[in-house]
Amino acid sequence: MKPIRNALGVAGVAAQRFVAHDGWAIASHIALSMLTSLFPFLILLAALAGLLGSATLADSAGTLIFDALPSEVANPIAGEVHRLLSEQRSGVVTVGLILALYFSSSGVESLRVGLNRAYGRREMRAWWLTRLESIGYVICAAIAMLAFALLVVLGPLLWRQAVFVAPGLETLGLTVTIGRLGITAVLITLVLIIAHKFVAAGNRPVVAVLPGIGVTMVLWFLAGLGFGFYLDRFSNAYVSTYGGLATAMVFLVFLYWFAAMFLFGGEINGTVIAARRQRLQAKMLAKQSKALAEHDQRARGGQS
């Protein structure tokens, strides 16, 4: 029972920190930044795929992004994304690419603001340096997405060839599907580790950020199921409220809740780190007090 009480205590303190650090307001900032960063990022994907000589690769990468979302959230916007990534563009590698890089990096900057508050850190570097760092993260993310998309495109071809050579492998289709989901979970975990360890100011070991990442992954999974169930049953509520903007609002609300859970994971880590720091300080004070007491005792013994 004690571990459960400790976990509930950490969650309670993290919730208080979340409110004190304006978590709901920062979550809305992250959600809007992510929404406005998504399409510039997809344009960047299309430009890089064009440079590699495979225009369809960007479409596959875009599909991967929406495969990680509940179908009720992804389907309404996936068609527009497919149209965007299928268009032929001229000159996007110049001014358009620079603008896409800048605007897509705003999503990383919003994460930086939220995580710095969660960890109680203040960014001391110049704004242009952090912006360049965010642009670097965006470029790395785009390259990683294209590489993973290439594996996804080649994977079914290699699998069909393997089944053709060894028909007995066809019974392992479910195992392969589960393996793909596992790889997706690992990639999301790696992205969260990079965000918590490198995007936020300060230096933290990987072990210190794992508790919050675990909480975030569990909350995202449960929220994805719950949000998908809600939209499947009560989707007309958004249509009657927002009309033609229902699709955008569903996606924005989804991002808002997921951003709040991401920040709560950061607050979990911040709470645990602060508690460890307080325990270390208490031990140091106890040692100093003990040393002073022994010194005073020896001094009194010498005087007598």
C-alpha atoms as a PDB file:
ATOM      1  CA  MET A   1       0.000   0.000   0.000  1.00  0.00           C
ATOM      2  CA  LYS A   2       2.882   2.376   0.699  1.00  0.00           C
ATOM      3  CA  PRO A   3       4.069   2.522  -2.959  1.00  0.00           C
ATOM      4  CA  ILE A   4       0.491   3.295  -4.008  1.00  0.00           C
ATOM      5  CA  ARG A   5       0.237   6.085  -1.426  1.00  0.00           C
ATOM      6  CA  ASN A   6       3.590   7.471  -2.571  1.00  0.00           C
ATOM      7  CA  ALA A   7       2.490   7.377  -6.221  1.00  0.00           C
ATOM      8  CA  LEU A   8      -0.788   9.114  -5.393  1.00  0.00           C
ATOM      9  CA  GLY A   9       1.121  11.691  -3.349  1.00  0.00           C
ATOM     10  CA  VAL A  10       3.465  12.418  -6.266  1.00  0.00           C
ATOM     11  CA  ALA A  11       0.484  12.678  -8.635  1.00  0.00           C
ATOM     12  CA  GLY A  12      -1.268  15.091  -6.258  1.00  0.00           C
ATOM     13  CA  VAL A  13       1.772  17.356  -5.945  1.00  0.00           C
ATOM     14  CA  ALA A  14       2.312  17.194  -9.726  1.00  0.00           C
ATOM     15  CA  ALA A  15      -1.303  18.262 -10.285  1.00  0.00           C
ATOM     16  CA  GLN A  16      -0.798  21.247  -7.968  1.00  0.00           C
ATOM     17  CA  ARG A  17       2.402  22.182  -9.806  1.00  0.00           C
ATOM     18  CA  PHE A  18       0.588  21.815 -13.129  1.00  0.00           C
ATOM     19  CA  VAL A  19      -2.027  24.367 -12.059  1.00  0.00           C
ATOM     20  CA  ALA A  20       0.552  26.683 -10.455  1.00  0.00           C
ATOM     21  CA  HIS A  21       2.630  26.669 -13.653  1.00  0.00           C
ATOM     22  CA  ASP A  22      -0.403  27.630 -15.790  1.00  0.00           C
ATOM     23  CA  GLY A  23      -0.474  24.177 -17.333  1.00  0.00           C
ATOM     24  CA  TRP A  24      -3.863  24.589 -18.994  1.00  0.00           C
ATOM     25  CA  ALA A  25      -2.820  27.838 -20.667  1.00  0.00           C
ATOM     26  CA  ILE A  26       0.511  26.379 -21.811  1.00  0.00           C
ATOM     27  CA  ALA A  27      -1.314  23.292 -23.128  1.00  0.00           C
ATOM     28  CA  SER A  28      -3.528  25.484 -25.296  1.00  0.00           C
ATOM     29  CA  HIS A  29      -0.405  27.269 -26.562  1.00  0.00           C
ATOM     30  CA  ILE A  30       1.215  23.935 -27.427  1.00  0.00           C
ATOM     31  CA  ALA A  31      -1.945  22.659 -29.143  1.00  0.00           C
ATOM     32  CA  LEU A  32      -2.305  25.741 -31.332  1.00  0.00           C
ATOM     33  CA  SER A  33       1.432  25.781 -32.112  1.00  0.00           C
ATOM     34  CA  MET A  34       1.319  22.114 -33.096  1.00  0.00           C
ATOM     35  CA  LEU A  35      -1.704  22.694 -35.316  1.00  0.00           C
ATOM     36  CA  THR A  36      -0.080  25.635 -37.098  1.00  0.00           C
ATOM     37  CA  SER A  37       3.245  23.749 -37.314  1.00  0.00           C
ATOM     38  CA  LEU A  38       1.793  20.567 -38.786  1.00  0.00           C
ATOM     39  CA  PHE A  39       1.285  21.678 -42.373  1.00  0.00           C
ATOM     40  CA  PRO A  40       4.624  23.532 -42.679  1.00  0.00           C
ATOM     41  CA  PHE A  41       6.259  20.348 -41.377  1.00  0.00           C
ATOM     42  CA  LEU A  42       4.422  18.296 -43.999  1.00  0.00           C
ATOM     43  CA  ILE A  43       5.530  20.750 -46.693  1.00  0.00           C
ATOM     44  CA  LEU A  44       9.094  20.243 -45.462  1.00  0.00           C
ATOM     45  CA  LEU A  45       8.583  16.480 -45.720  1.00  0.00           C
ATOM     46  CA  ALA A  46       7.375  16.861 -49.302  1.00  0.00           C
ATOM     47  CA  ALA A  47      10.371  19.038 -50.196  1.00  0.00           C
ATOM     48  CA  LEU A  48      12.899  16.608 -48.711  1.00  0.00           C
ATOM     49  CA  ALA A  49      11.180  13.648 -50.369  1.00  0.00           C
ATOM     50  CA  GLY A  50      11.332  15.507 -53.685  1.00  0.00           C
ATOM     51  CA  LEU A  51      15.064  16.028 -53.219  1.00  0.00           C
ATOM     52  CA  LEU A  52      15.412  12.285 -52.642  1.00  0.00           C
ATOM     53  CA  GLY A  53      13.492  11.626 -55.861  1.00  0.00           C
ATOM     54  CA  SER A  54      10.463   9.980 -54.222  1.00  0.00           C
ATOM     55  CA  ALA A  55       7.399  12.201 -53.993  1.00  0.00           C
ATOM     56  CA  THR A  56       5.238   9.360 -52.640  1.00  0.00           C
ATOM     57  CA  LEU A  57       7.572   8.874 -49.669  1.00  0.00           C
ATOM     58  CA  ALA A  58       6.279  12.057 -48.016  1.00  0.00           C
ATOM     59  CA  ASP A  59       2.707  10.794 -48.373  1.00  0.00           C
ATOM     60  CA  SER A  60       3.723   7.570 -46.628  1.00  0.00           C
ATOM     61  CA  ALA A  61       5.380   9.570 -43.842  1.00  0.00           C
ATOM     62  CA  GLY A  62       2.254  11.691 -43.426  1.00  0.00           C
ATOM     63  CA  THR A  63       0.187   8.512 -43.210  1.00  0.00           C
ATOM     64  CA  LEU A  64       2.451   7.292 -40.403  1.00  0.00           C
ATOM     65  CA  ILE A  65       1.731  10.436 -38.384  1.00  0.00           C
ATOM     66  CA  PHE A  66      -2.015   9.921 -38.568  1.00  0.00           C
ATOM     67  CA  ASP A  67      -1.815   6.161 -38.027  1.00  0.00           C
ATOM     68  CA  ALA A  68      -0.740   6.954 -34.455  1.00  0.00           C
ATOM     69  CA  LEU A  69      -3.981   8.911 -33.853  1.00  0.00           C
ATOM     70  CA  PRO A  70      -7.503   7.585 -33.277  1.00  0.00           C
ATOM     71  CA  SER A  71      -9.228   7.071 -36.622  1.00  0.00           C
ATOM     72  CA  GLU A  72     -12.075   9.378 -35.569  1.00  0.00           C
ATOM     73  CA  VAL A  73      -9.540  12.203 -35.217  1.00  0.00           C
ATOM     74  CA  ALA A  74      -7.243  11.363 -38.133  1.00  0.00           C
ATOM     75  CA  ASN A  75      -9.692  10.458 -40.910  1.00  0.00           C
ATOM     76  CA  PRO A  76     -11.333  13.890 -41.373  1.00  0.00           C
ATOM     77  CA  ILE A  77      -7.974  15.613 -41.872  1.00  0.00           C
ATOM     78  CA  ALA A  78      -6.006  12.809 -43.548  1.00  0.00           C
ATOM     79  CA  GLY A  79      -7.567  13.503 -46.959  1.00  0.00           C
ATOM     80  CA  GLU A  80      -6.441  17.122 -46.908  1.00  0.00           C
ATOM     81  CA  VAL A  81      -2.958  16.049 -45.857  1.00  0.00           C
ATOM     82  CA  HIS A  82      -2.825  13.534 -48.719  1.00  0.00           C
ATOM     83  CA  ARG A  83      -3.786  16.280 -51.182  1.00  0.00           C
ATOM     84  CA  LEU A  84      -1.135  18.594 -49.730  1.00  0.00           C
ATOM     85  CA  LEU A  85       1.628  16.001 -49.968  1.00  0.00           C
ATOM     86  CA  SER A  86       0.623  14.909 -53.469  1.00  0.00           C
ATOM     87  CA  GLU A  87       0.892  18.391 -54.994  1.00  0.00           C
ATOM     88  CA  GLN A  88       3.855  19.247 -57.147  1.00  0.00           C
ATOM     89  CA  ARG A  89       5.634  22.368 -55.920  1.00  0.00           C
ATOM     90  CA  SER A  90       8.219  24.583 -57.539  1.00  0.00           C
ATOM     91  CA  GLY A  91      10.557  26.790 -55.567  1.00  0.00           C
ATOM     92  CA  VAL A  92       9.657  25.223 -52.224  1.00  0.00           C
ATOM     93  CA  VAL A  93      13.306  24.451 -51.591  1.00  0.00           C
ATOM     94  CA  THR A  94      14.120  28.173 -51.331  1.00  0.00           C
ATOM     95  CA  VAL A  95      11.994  30.762 -49.538  1.00  0.00           C
ATOM     96  CA  GLY A  96       9.078  28.402 -48.944  1.00  0.00           C
ATOM     97  CA  LEU A  97      11.330  25.820 -47.309  1.00  0.00           C
ATOM     98  CA  ILE A  98      12.903  28.426 -45.027  1.00  0.00           C
ATOM     99  CA  LEU A  99       9.477  29.644 -43.929  1.00  0.00           C
ATOM    100  CA  ALA A 100       8.279  26.066 -43.426  1.00  0.00           C
ATOM    101  CA  LEU A 101      11.317  25.363 -41.257  1.00  0.00           C
ATOM    102  CA  TYR A 102      10.748  28.460 -39.135  1.00  0.00           C
ATOM    103  CA  PHE A 103       7.030  27.961 -38.572  1.00  0.00           C
ATOM    104  CA  SER A 104       7.291  24.224 -37.949  1.00  0.00           C
ATOM    105  CA  SER A 105       9.956  24.883 -35.290  1.00  0.00           C
ATOM    106  CA  SER A 106       7.380  26.872 -33.297  1.00  0.00           C
ATOM    107  CA  GLY A 107       5.931  23.578 -32.111  1.00  0.00           C
ATOM    108  CA  VAL A 108       9.268  22.649 -30.535  1.00  0.00           C
ATOM    109  CA  GLU A 109       9.537  26.082 -28.925  1.00  0.00           C
ATOM    110  CA  SER A 110       6.115  25.669 -27.301  1.00  0.00           C
ATOM    111  CA  LEU A 111       7.240  22.346 -25.824  1.00  0.00           C
ATOM    112  CA  ARG A 112      10.359  24.060 -24.484  1.00  0.00           C
ATOM    113  CA  VAL A 113       8.281  26.682 -22.642  1.00  0.00           C
ATOM    114  CA  GLY A 114       6.070  24.061 -21.014  1.00  0.00           C
ATOM    115  CA  LEU A 115       8.905  21.744 -19.996  1.00  0.00           C
ATOM    116  CA  ASN A 116      11.010  24.571 -18.551  1.00  0.00           C
ATOM    117  CA  ARG A 117       8.108  25.489 -16.289  1.00  0.00           C
ATOM    118  CA  ALA A 118       7.559  21.872 -15.306  1.00  0.00           C
ATOM    119  CA  TYR A 119      11.210  21.410 -14.344  1.00  0.00           C
ATOM    120  CA  GLY A 120      11.496  24.826 -12.723  1.00  0.00           C
ATOM    121  CA  ARG A 121      14.238  25.905 -15.123  1.00  0.00           C
ATOM    122  CA  ARG A 122      14.854  29.176 -16.904  1.00  0.00           C
ATOM    123  CA  GLU A 123      16.244  29.272 -20.430  1.00  0.00           C
ATOM    124  CA  MET A 124      19.463  31.302 -20.342  1.00  0.00           C
ATOM    125  CA  ARG A 125      20.461  30.901 -23.978  1.00  0.00           C
ATOM    126  CA  ALA A 126      19.714  33.510 -26.643  1.00  0.00           C
ATOM    127  CA  TRP A 127      16.369  33.183 -28.425  1.00  0.00           C
ATOM    128  CA  TRP A 128      17.976  32.744 -31.826  1.00  0.00           C
ATOM    129  CA  LEU A 129      20.136  29.891 -30.525  1.00  0.00           C
ATOM    130  CA  THR A 130      17.149  27.964 -29.174  1.00  0.00           C
ATOM    131  CA  ARG A 131      15.269  28.647 -32.418  1.00  0.00           C
ATOM    132  CA  LEU A 132      18.160  27.221 -34.446  1.00  0.00           C
ATOM    133  CA  GLU A 133      18.176  24.211 -32.142  1.00  0.00           C
ATOM    134  CA  SER A 134      14.437  23.747 -32.713  1.00  0.00           C
ATOM    135  CA  ILE A 135      14.953  23.953 -36.479  1.00  0.00           C
ATOM    136  CA  GLY A 136      17.612  21.258 -36.130  1.00  0.00           C
ATOM    137  CA  TYR A 137      15.153  19.036 -34.270  1.00  0.00           C
ATOM    138  CA  VAL A 138      12.575  19.584 -37.023  1.00  0.00           C
ATOM    139  CA  ILE A 139      15.050  18.610 -39.752  1.00  0.00           C
ATOM    140  CA  CYS A 140      16.109  15.497 -37.823  1.00  0.00           C
ATOM    141  CA  ALA A 141      12.454  14.580 -37.255  1.00  0.00           C
ATOM    142  CA  ALA A 142      11.669  14.989 -40.960  1.00  0.00           C
ATOM    143  CA  ILE A 143      14.617  12.805 -41.994  1.00  0.00           C
ATOM    144  CA  ALA A 144      13.675  10.185 -39.392  1.00  0.00           C
ATOM    145  CA  MET A 145      10.059  10.181 -40.600  1.00  0.00           C
ATOM    146  CA  LEU A 146      11.160   9.666 -44.205  1.00  0.00           C
ATOM    147  CA  ALA A 147      13.530   6.866 -43.196  1.00  0.00           C
ATOM    148  CA  PHE A 148      10.808   5.148 -41.187  1.00  0.00           C
ATOM    149  CA  ALA A 149       8.347   5.637 -44.048  1.00  0.00           C
ATOM    150  CA  LEU A 150      10.830   3.958 -46.381  1.00  0.00           C
ATOM    151  CA  LEU A 151      10.941   0.975 -44.032  1.00  0.00           C
ATOM    152  CA  VAL A 152       7.143   0.876 -43.918  1.00  0.00           C
ATOM    153  CA  VAL A 153       6.944   0.973 -47.713  1.00  0.00           C
ATOM    154  CA  LEU A 154       9.575  -1.731 -48.145  1.00  0.00           C
ATOM    155  CA  GLY A 155       8.321  -3.815 -45.218  1.00  0.00           C
ATOM    156  CA  PRO A 156       5.176  -5.230 -46.888  1.00  0.00           C
ATOM    157  CA  LEU A 157       7.132  -5.940 -50.084  1.00  0.00           C
ATOM    158  CA  LEU A 158       9.792  -7.846 -48.159  1.00  0.00           C
ATOM    159  CA  TRP A 159       7.100  -9.639 -46.138  1.00  0.00           C
ATOM    160  CA  ARG A 160       5.232 -10.785 -49.271  1.00  0.00           C
ATOM    161  CA  GLN A 161       8.491 -12.007 -50.757  1.00  0.00           C
ATOM    162  CA  ALA A 162       9.310 -13.872 -47.552  1.00  0.00           C
ATOM    163  CA  VAL A 163       5.839 -15.489 -47.493  1.00  0.00           C
ATOM    164  CA  PHE A 164       6.250 -16.462 -51.158  1.00  0.00           C
ATOM    165  CA  VAL A 165       9.566 -18.157 -50.383  1.00  0.00           C
ATOM    166  CA  ALA A 166       8.375 -19.677 -47.075  1.00  0.00           C
ATOM    167  CA  PRO A 167       4.538 -19.955 -46.986  1.00  0.00           C
ATOM    168  CA  GLY A 168       4.652 -21.078 -43.366  1.00  0.00           C
ATOM    169  CA  LEU A 169       5.472 -17.507 -42.318  1.00  0.00           C
ATOM    170  CA  GLU A 170       1.952 -16.344 -43.235  1.00  0.00           C
ATOM    171  CA  THR A 171       0.685 -17.486 -39.830  1.00  0.00           C
ATOM    172  CA  LEU A 172       2.961 -14.892 -38.202  1.00  0.00           C
ATOM    173  CA  GLY A 173       1.051 -11.959 -39.722  1.00  0.00           C
ATOM    174  CA  LEU A 174      -0.490 -10.989 -36.366  1.00  0.00           C
ATOM    175  CA  THR A 175       2.926 -11.096 -34.712  1.00  0.00           C
ATOM    176  CA  VAL A 176       4.325  -8.777 -37.374  1.00  0.00           C
ATOM    177  CA  THR A 177       1.435  -6.334 -36.845  1.00  0.00           C
ATOM    178  CA  ILE A 178       2.041  -6.328 -33.088  1.00  0.00           C
ATOM    179  CA  GLY A 179       5.730  -5.789 -33.775  1.00  0.00           C
ATOM    180  CA  ARG A 180       4.945  -2.726 -35.908  1.00  0.00           C
ATOM    181  CA  LEU A 181       2.834  -1.293 -33.091  1.00  0.00           C
ATOM    182  CA  GLY A 182       5.678  -1.985 -30.681  1.00  0.00           C
ATOM    183  CA  ILE A 183       8.141  -0.156 -32.928  1.00  0.00           C
ATOM    184  CA  THR A 184       5.752   2.813 -33.078  1.00  0.00           C
ATOM    185  CA  ALA A 185       5.575   2.876 -29.268  1.00  0.00           C
ATOM    186  CA  VAL A 186       9.372   2.761 -29.040  1.00  0.00           C
ATOM    187  CA  LEU A 187       9.710   5.662 -31.495  1.00  0.00           C
ATOM    188  CA  ILE A 188       7.207   7.768 -29.526  1.00  0.00           C
ATOM    189  CA  THR A 189       9.128   6.977 -26.336  1.00  0.00           C
ATOM    190  CA  LEU A 190      12.400   8.075 -27.957  1.00  0.00           C
ATOM    191  CA  VAL A 191      10.798  11.354 -29.059  1.00  0.00           C
ATOM    192  CA  LEU A 192       9.587  11.979 -25.502  1.00  0.00           C
ATOM    193  CA  ILE A 193      13.036  11.196 -24.076  1.00  0.00           C
ATOM    194  CA  ILE A 194      14.648  13.682 -26.464  1.00  0.00           C
ATOM    195  CA  ALA A 195      12.072  16.333 -25.539  1.00  0.00           C
ATOM    196  CA  HIS A 196      12.469  15.914 -21.772  1.00  0.00           C
ATOM    197  CA  LYS A 197      16.244  15.535 -21.764  1.00  0.00           C
ATOM    198  CA  PHE A 198      17.422  17.904 -24.483  1.00  0.00           C
ATOM    199  CA  VAL A 199      14.674  20.395 -25.364  1.00  0.00           C
ATOM    200  CA  ALA A 200      14.136  21.606 -21.792  1.00  0.00           C
ATOM    201  CA  ALA A 201      16.849  23.692 -20.144  1.00  0.00           C
ATOM    202  CA  GLY A 202      19.199  22.014 -17.688  1.00  0.00           C
ATOM    203  CA  ASN A 203      20.720  18.557 -17.595  1.00  0.00           C
ATOM    204  CA  ARG A 204      18.822  15.455 -16.487  1.00  0.00           C
ATOM    205  CA  PRO A 205      19.777  11.783 -16.754  1.00  0.00           C
ATOM    206  CA  VAL A 206      17.526   9.574 -18.847  1.00  0.00           C
ATOM    207  CA  VAL A 207      16.430   7.631 -15.758  1.00  0.00           C
ATOM    208  CA  ALA A 208      15.087  10.842 -14.194  1.00  0.00           C
ATOM    209  CA  VAL A 209      12.664  11.498 -17.075  1.00  0.00           C
ATOM    210  CA  LEU A 210      11.305   7.964 -17.443  1.00  0.00           C
ATOM    211  CA  PRO A 211       8.545   8.189 -14.764  1.00  0.00           C
ATOM    212  CA  GLY A 212       6.835  11.132 -16.453  1.00  0.00           C
ATOM    213  CA  ILE A 213       7.237   9.547 -19.886  1.00  0.00           C
ATOM    214  CA  GLY A 214       5.604   6.354 -18.637  1.00  0.00           C
ATOM    215  CA  VAL A 215       2.689   8.326 -17.181  1.00  0.00           C
ATOM    216  CA  THR A 216       2.328  10.288 -20.429  1.00  0.00           C
ATOM    217  CA  MET A 217       2.267   7.128 -22.567  1.00  0.00           C
ATOM    218  CA  VAL A 218      -0.404   5.503 -20.378  1.00  0.00           C
ATOM    219  CA  LEU A 219      -2.540   8.661 -20.326  1.00  0.00           C
ATOM    220  CA  TRP A 220      -2.198   9.083 -24.104  1.00  0.00           C
ATOM    221  CA  PHE A 221      -3.286   5.491 -24.685  1.00  0.00           C
ATOM    222  CA  LEU A 222      -6.323   5.782 -22.407  1.00  0.00           C
ATOM    223  CA  ALA A 223      -7.234   9.219 -23.762  1.00  0.00           C
ATOM    224  CA  GLY A 224      -6.965   7.982 -27.344  1.00  0.00           C
ATOM    225  CA  LEU A 225      -9.394   5.164 -26.598  1.00  0.00           C
ATOM    226  CA  GLY A 226     -11.760   7.456 -24.698  1.00  0.00           C
ATOM    227  CA  PHE A 227     -11.665  10.259 -27.255  1.00  0.00           C
ATOM    228  CA  GLY A 228     -12.219   7.844 -30.122  1.00  0.00           C
ATOM    229  CA  PHE A 229     -15.179   6.264 -28.305  1.00  0.00           C
ATOM    230  CA  TYR A 230     -16.676   9.699 -27.591  1.00  0.00           C
ATOM    231  CA  LEU A 231     -16.386  10.863 -31.196  1.00  0.00           C
ATOM    232  CA  ASP A 232     -17.780   7.589 -32.477  1.00  0.00           C
ATOM    233  CA  ARG A 233     -20.891   8.014 -30.310  1.00  0.00           C
ATOM    234  CA  PHE A 234     -21.333  11.785 -30.035  1.00  0.00           C
ATOM    235  CA  SER A 235     -19.613  13.316 -33.067  1.00  0.00           C
ATOM    236  CA  ASN A 236     -22.741  15.349 -33.868  1.00  0.00           C
ATOM    237  CA  ALA A 237     -22.103  17.447 -30.759  1.00  0.00           C
ATOM    238  CA  TYR A 238     -19.087  19.086 -32.431  1.00  0.00           C
ATOM    239  CA  VAL A 239     -20.905  19.527 -35.742  1.00  0.00           C
ATOM    240  CA  SER A 240     -23.882  21.226 -34.088  1.00  0.00           C
ATOM    241  CA  THR A 241     -21.573  23.507 -32.071  1.00  0.00           C
ATOM    242  CA  TYR A 242     -18.825  24.402 -34.561  1.00  0.00           C
ATOM    243  CA  GLY A 243     -20.486  23.715 -37.925  1.00  0.00           C
ATOM    244  CA  GLY A 244     -17.958  23.700 -40.760  1.00  0.00           C
ATOM    245  CA  LEU A 245     -15.085  24.144 -38.295  1.00  0.00           C
ATOM    246  CA  ALA A 246     -15.895  20.862 -36.519  1.00  0.00           C
ATOM    247  CA  THR A 247     -12.987  18.952 -38.107  1.00  0.00           C
ATOM    248  CA  ALA A 248     -10.403  21.554 -37.089  1.00  0.00           C
ATOM    249  CA  MET A 249     -11.882  21.873 -33.595  1.00  0.00           C
ATOM    250  CA  VAL A 250     -11.865  18.110 -33.007  1.00  0.00           C
ATOM    251  CA  PHE A 251      -8.181  17.979 -33.938  1.00  0.00           C
ATOM    252  CA  LEU A 252      -7.400  21.058 -31.811  1.00  0.00           C
ATOM    253  CA  VAL A 253      -9.211  19.698 -28.737  1.00  0.00           C
ATOM    254  CA  PHE A 254      -7.405  16.382 -29.198  1.00  0.00           C
ATOM    255  CA  LEU A 255      -4.044  18.170 -29.305  1.00  0.00           C
ATOM    256  CA  TYR A 256      -5.035  20.262 -26.277  1.00  0.00           C
ATOM    257  CA  TRP A 257      -5.704  17.266 -24.056  1.00  0.00           C
ATOM    258  CA  PHE A 258      -2.622  15.428 -25.255  1.00  0.00           C
ATOM    259  CA  ALA A 259      -0.492  18.528 -24.604  1.00  0.00           C
ATOM    260  CA  ALA A 260      -1.907  18.760 -21.067  1.00  0.00           C
ATOM    261  CA  MET A 261      -0.982  15.114 -20.440  1.00  0.00           C
ATOM    262  CA  PHE A 262       2.496  15.735 -21.832  1.00  0.00           C
ATOM    263  CA  LEU A 263       2.970  18.644 -19.422  1.00  0.00           C
ATOM    264  CA  PHE A 264       1.609  16.585 -16.532  1.00  0.00           C
ATOM    265  CA  GLY A 265       4.286  13.990 -17.280  1.00  0.00           C
ATOM    266  CA  GLY A 266       6.863  16.772 -17.035  1.00  0.00           C
ATOM    267  CA  GLU A 267       5.391  17.833 -13.690  1.00  0.00           C
ATOM    268  CA  ILE A 268       5.671  14.233 -12.464  1.00  0.00           C
ATOM    269  CA  ASN A 269       9.385  14.300 -13.264  1.00  0.00           C
ATOM    270  CA  GLY A 270       9.763  17.763 -11.732  1.00  0.00           C
ATOM    271  CA  THR A 271       8.074  16.592  -8.526  1.00  0.00           C
ATOM    272  CA  VAL A 272      10.262  13.487  -8.229  1.00  0.00           C
ATOM    273  CA  ILE A 273      13.460  15.445  -8.950  1.00  0.00           C
ATOM    274  CA  ALA A 274      12.522  18.147  -6.409  1.00  0.00           C
ATOM    275  CA  ALA A 275      11.775  15.493  -3.764  1.00  0.00           C
ATOM    276  CA  ARG A 276      15.145  13.821  -4.358  1.00  0.00           C
ATOM    277  CA  ARG A 277      16.885  17.177  -4.137  1.00  0.00           C
ATOM    278  CA  GLN A 278      15.167  17.936  -0.830  1.00  0.00           C
ATOM    279  CA  ARG A 279      16.168  14.547   0.578  1.00  0.00           C
ATOM    280  CA  LEU A 280      19.792  15.115  -0.431  1.00  0.00           C
ATOM    281  CA  GLN A 281      19.761  18.579   1.144  1.00  0.00           C
ATOM    282  CA  ALA A 282      18.248  17.154   4.331  1.00  0.00           C
ATOM    283  CA  LYS A 283      20.977  14.501   4.501  1.00  0.00           C
ATOM    284  CA  MET A 284      23.691  17.109   3.969  1.00  0.00           C
ATOM    285  CA  LEU A 285      22.228  19.331   6.697  1.00  0.00           C
ATOM    286  CA  ALA A 286      22.018  16.349   9.039  1.00  0.00           C
ATOM    287  CA  LYS A 287      25.673  15.502   8.388  1.00  0.00           C
ATOM    288  CA  GLN A 288      26.714  19.117   8.935  1.00  0.00           C
ATOM    289  CA  SER A 289      24.717  19.318  12.164  1.00  0.00           C
ATOM    290  CA  LYS A 290      26.253  16.075  13.381  1.00  0.00           C
ATOM    291  CA  ALA A 291      29.759  17.286  12.521  1.00  0.00           C
ATOM    292  CA  LEU A 292      29.158  20.590  14.343  1.00  0.00           C
ATOM    293  CA  ALA A 293      27.801  18.766  17.376  1.00  0.00           C
ATOM    294  CA  GLU A 294      30.846  16.483  17.485  1.00  0.00           C
ATOM    295  CA  HIS A 295      33.135  19.495  17.092  1.00  0.00           C
ATOM    296  CA  ASP A 296      31.416  21.334  19.955  1.00  0.00           C
ATOM    297  CA  GLN A 297      31.608  18.232  22.116  1.00  0.00           C
ATOM    298  CA  ARG A 298      35.334  17.862  21.471  1.00  0.00           C
ATOM    299  CA  ALA A 299      35.843  21.574  22.165  1.00  0.00           C
ATOM    300  CA  ARG A 300      34.047  21.336  25.511  1.00  0.00           C
ATOM    301  CA  GLY A 301      36.023  18.209  26.360  1.00  0.00           C
ATOM    302  CA  GLY A 302      39.285  20.035  25.663  1.00  0.00           C
ATOM    303  CA  GLN A 303      38.303  22.980  27.843  1.00  0.00           C
ATOM    304  CA  SER A 304      37.486  20.711  30.767  1.00  0.00           C
END
